[in-house]
Amino acid sequence: MSITKVTRNYQITVPRDIREQANIKEGNKLVMTIEKDEIKIKKLDEDVFKRAFGSWKDEGIGDSVNYVRNIRKGWEKRRKRLGL
């Protein structure tokens, strides 16, 4: 366990032992959550977002806007076919 102080600008410093154990580097983003009376800080895994970004391109779907438009067009066709 490490102790850190909140500055007058509400900033904190991540202690060295925590930075080293979590492999936190300058520029990394941290996610803070609160559960009951505990504040939890977690390193953001940006690789998840990078891997997911553009994941529909390889499926021949195109970008997300066109994907949603295609779903809506499909619904319009089904709605007309069902007489709704």
C-alpha atoms as a PDB file:
ATOM      1  CA  MET A   1       0.000   0.000   0.000  1.00  0.00           C
ATOM      2  CA  SER A   2       1.194   3.494  -0.827  1.00  0.00           C
ATOM      3  CA  ILE A   3      -0.031   6.872   0.328  1.00  0.00           C
ATOM      4  CA  THR A   4      -0.292   9.950  -1.875  1.00  0.00           C
ATOM      5  CA  LYS A   5      -1.488  13.472  -1.220  1.00  0.00           C
ATOM      6  CA  VAL A   6      -4.157  15.431  -3.101  1.00  0.00           C
ATOM      7  CA  THR A   7      -2.831  18.848  -4.165  1.00  0.00           C
ATOM      8  CA  ARG A   8      -4.831  22.066  -4.092  1.00  0.00           C
ATOM      9  CA  ASN A   9      -5.680  21.462  -7.782  1.00  0.00           C
ATOM     10  CA  TYR A  10      -7.028  17.994  -6.853  1.00  0.00           C
ATOM     11  CA  GLN A  11      -4.122  16.221  -8.534  1.00  0.00           C
ATOM     12  CA  ILE A  12      -2.368  13.130  -7.225  1.00  0.00           C
ATOM     13  CA  THR A  13       1.001  11.542  -7.913  1.00  0.00           C
ATOM     14  CA  VAL A  14       1.091   7.810  -8.511  1.00  0.00           C
ATOM     15  CA  PRO A  15       3.792   6.467  -6.209  1.00  0.00           C
ATOM     16  CA  ARG A  16       6.868   4.918  -7.817  1.00  0.00           C
ATOM     17  CA  ASP A  17       6.269   1.369  -6.551  1.00  0.00           C
ATOM     18  CA  ILE A  18       2.727   1.400  -7.954  1.00  0.00           C
ATOM     19  CA  ARG A  19       3.906   2.877 -11.301  1.00  0.00           C
ATOM     20  CA  GLU A  20       6.539   0.187 -11.638  1.00  0.00           C
ATOM     21  CA  GLN A  21       4.242  -2.696 -10.701  1.00  0.00           C
ATOM     22  CA  ALA A  22       1.492  -1.499 -13.064  1.00  0.00           C
ATOM     23  CA  ASN A  23       3.979  -0.457 -15.784  1.00  0.00           C
ATOM     24  CA  ILE A  24       2.482   3.039 -15.900  1.00  0.00           C
ATOM     25  CA  LYS A  25       4.397   5.370 -18.196  1.00  0.00           C
ATOM     26  CA  GLU A  26       4.055   9.073 -18.905  1.00  0.00           C
ATOM     27  CA  GLY A  27       1.070   9.660 -21.180  1.00  0.00           C
ATOM     28  CA  ASN A  28      -0.804   6.516 -20.111  1.00  0.00           C
ATOM     29  CA  LYS A  29      -4.460   7.019 -19.261  1.00  0.00           C
ATOM     30  CA  LEU A  30      -5.976   5.797 -16.023  1.00  0.00           C
ATOM     31  CA  VAL A  31      -9.617   4.967 -15.361  1.00  0.00           C
ATOM     32  CA  MET A  32     -11.019   5.906 -11.972  1.00  0.00           C
ATOM     33  CA  THR A  33     -14.169   4.317 -10.601  1.00  0.00           C
ATOM     34  CA  ILE A  34     -15.879   4.428  -7.251  1.00  0.00           C
ATOM     35  CA  GLU A  35     -17.470   1.375  -5.676  1.00  0.00           C
ATOM     36  CA  LYS A  36     -19.207   1.932  -2.369  1.00  0.00           C
ATOM     37  CA  ASP A  37     -16.596   3.861  -0.390  1.00  0.00           C
ATOM     38  CA  GLU A  38     -13.526   2.805  -2.428  1.00  0.00           C
ATOM     39  CA  ILE A  39     -11.859   4.653  -5.290  1.00  0.00           C
ATOM     40  CA  LYS A  40     -10.289   2.287  -7.814  1.00  0.00           C
ATOM     41  CA  ILE A  41      -7.708   3.326 -10.381  1.00  0.00           C
ATOM     42  CA  LYS A  42      -6.966   1.121 -13.361  1.00  0.00           C
ATOM     43  CA  LYS A  43      -4.645   1.524 -16.334  1.00  0.00           C
ATOM     44  CA  LEU A  44      -6.674   1.997 -19.534  1.00  0.00           C
ATOM     45  CA  ASP A  45      -5.986  -0.730 -22.075  1.00  0.00           C
ATOM     46  CA  GLU A  46      -5.973   1.401 -25.226  1.00  0.00           C
ATOM     47  CA  ASP A  47      -4.991  -1.606 -27.333  1.00  0.00           C
ATOM     48  CA  VAL A  48      -8.563  -2.885 -26.928  1.00  0.00           C
ATOM     49  CA  PHE A  49      -9.869   0.263 -28.611  1.00  0.00           C
ATOM     50  CA  LYS A  50      -7.208   0.157 -31.322  1.00  0.00           C
ATOM     51  CA  ARG A  51      -8.004  -3.475 -32.112  1.00  0.00           C
ATOM     52  CA  ALA A  52     -11.747  -2.770 -32.232  1.00  0.00           C
ATOM     53  CA  PHE A  53     -11.427   0.426 -34.307  1.00  0.00           C
ATOM     54  CA  GLY A  54     -12.384  -0.303 -37.889  1.00  0.00           C
ATOM     55  CA  SER A  55     -13.151  -3.931 -37.111  1.00  0.00           C
ATOM     56  CA  TRP A  56     -16.139  -3.872 -39.473  1.00  0.00           C
ATOM     57  CA  LYS A  57     -14.034  -2.861 -42.476  1.00  0.00           C
ATOM     58  CA  ASP A  58     -12.797  -6.412 -43.049  1.00  0.00           C
ATOM     59  CA  GLU A  59     -16.357  -7.727 -42.966  1.00  0.00           C
ATOM     60  CA  GLY A  60     -17.331  -5.732 -46.040  1.00  0.00           C
ATOM     61  CA  ILE A  61     -19.747  -3.676 -43.958  1.00  0.00           C
ATOM     62  CA  GLY A  62     -17.908  -0.373 -44.224  1.00  0.00           C
ATOM     63  CA  ASP A  63     -17.985   2.244 -41.532  1.00  0.00           C
ATOM     64  CA  SER A  64     -20.406   2.257 -38.608  1.00  0.00           C
ATOM     65  CA  VAL A  65     -22.709   4.892 -40.122  1.00  0.00           C
ATOM     66  CA  ASN A  66     -23.267   2.807 -43.246  1.00  0.00           C
ATOM     67  CA  TYR A  67     -23.692  -0.293 -41.105  1.00  0.00           C
ATOM     68  CA  VAL A  68     -26.545   1.326 -39.166  1.00  0.00           C
ATOM     69  CA  ARG A  69     -28.092   2.659 -42.384  1.00  0.00           C
ATOM     70  CA  ASN A  70     -28.079  -0.853 -43.852  1.00  0.00           C
ATOM     71  CA  ILE A  71     -29.770  -2.237 -40.753  1.00  0.00           C
ATOM     72  CA  ARG A  72     -32.459   0.468 -40.986  1.00  0.00           C
ATOM     73  CA  LYS A  73     -33.011  -0.216 -44.704  1.00  0.00           C
ATOM     74  CA  GLY A  74     -33.378  -3.913 -43.912  1.00  0.00           C
ATOM     75  CA  TRP A  75     -35.957  -3.122 -41.268  1.00  0.00           C
ATOM     76  CA  GLU A  76     -37.890  -0.906 -43.686  1.00  0.00           C
ATOM     77  CA  LYS A  77     -38.047  -3.781 -46.190  1.00  0.00           C
ATOM     78  CA  ARG A  78     -39.189  -6.267 -43.531  1.00  0.00           C
ATOM     79  CA  ARG A  79     -41.776  -3.812 -42.197  1.00  0.00           C
ATOM     80  CA  LYS A  80     -43.264  -3.268 -45.683  1.00  0.00           C
ATOM     81  CA  ARG A  81     -43.250  -7.002 -46.375  1.00  0.00           C
ATOM     82  CA  LEU A  82     -45.104  -7.667 -43.123  1.00  0.00           C
ATOM     83  CA  GLY A  83     -47.522  -4.819 -43.789  1.00  0.00           C
ATOM     84  CA  LEU A  84     -46.640  -2.914 -40.619  1.00  0.00           C
END
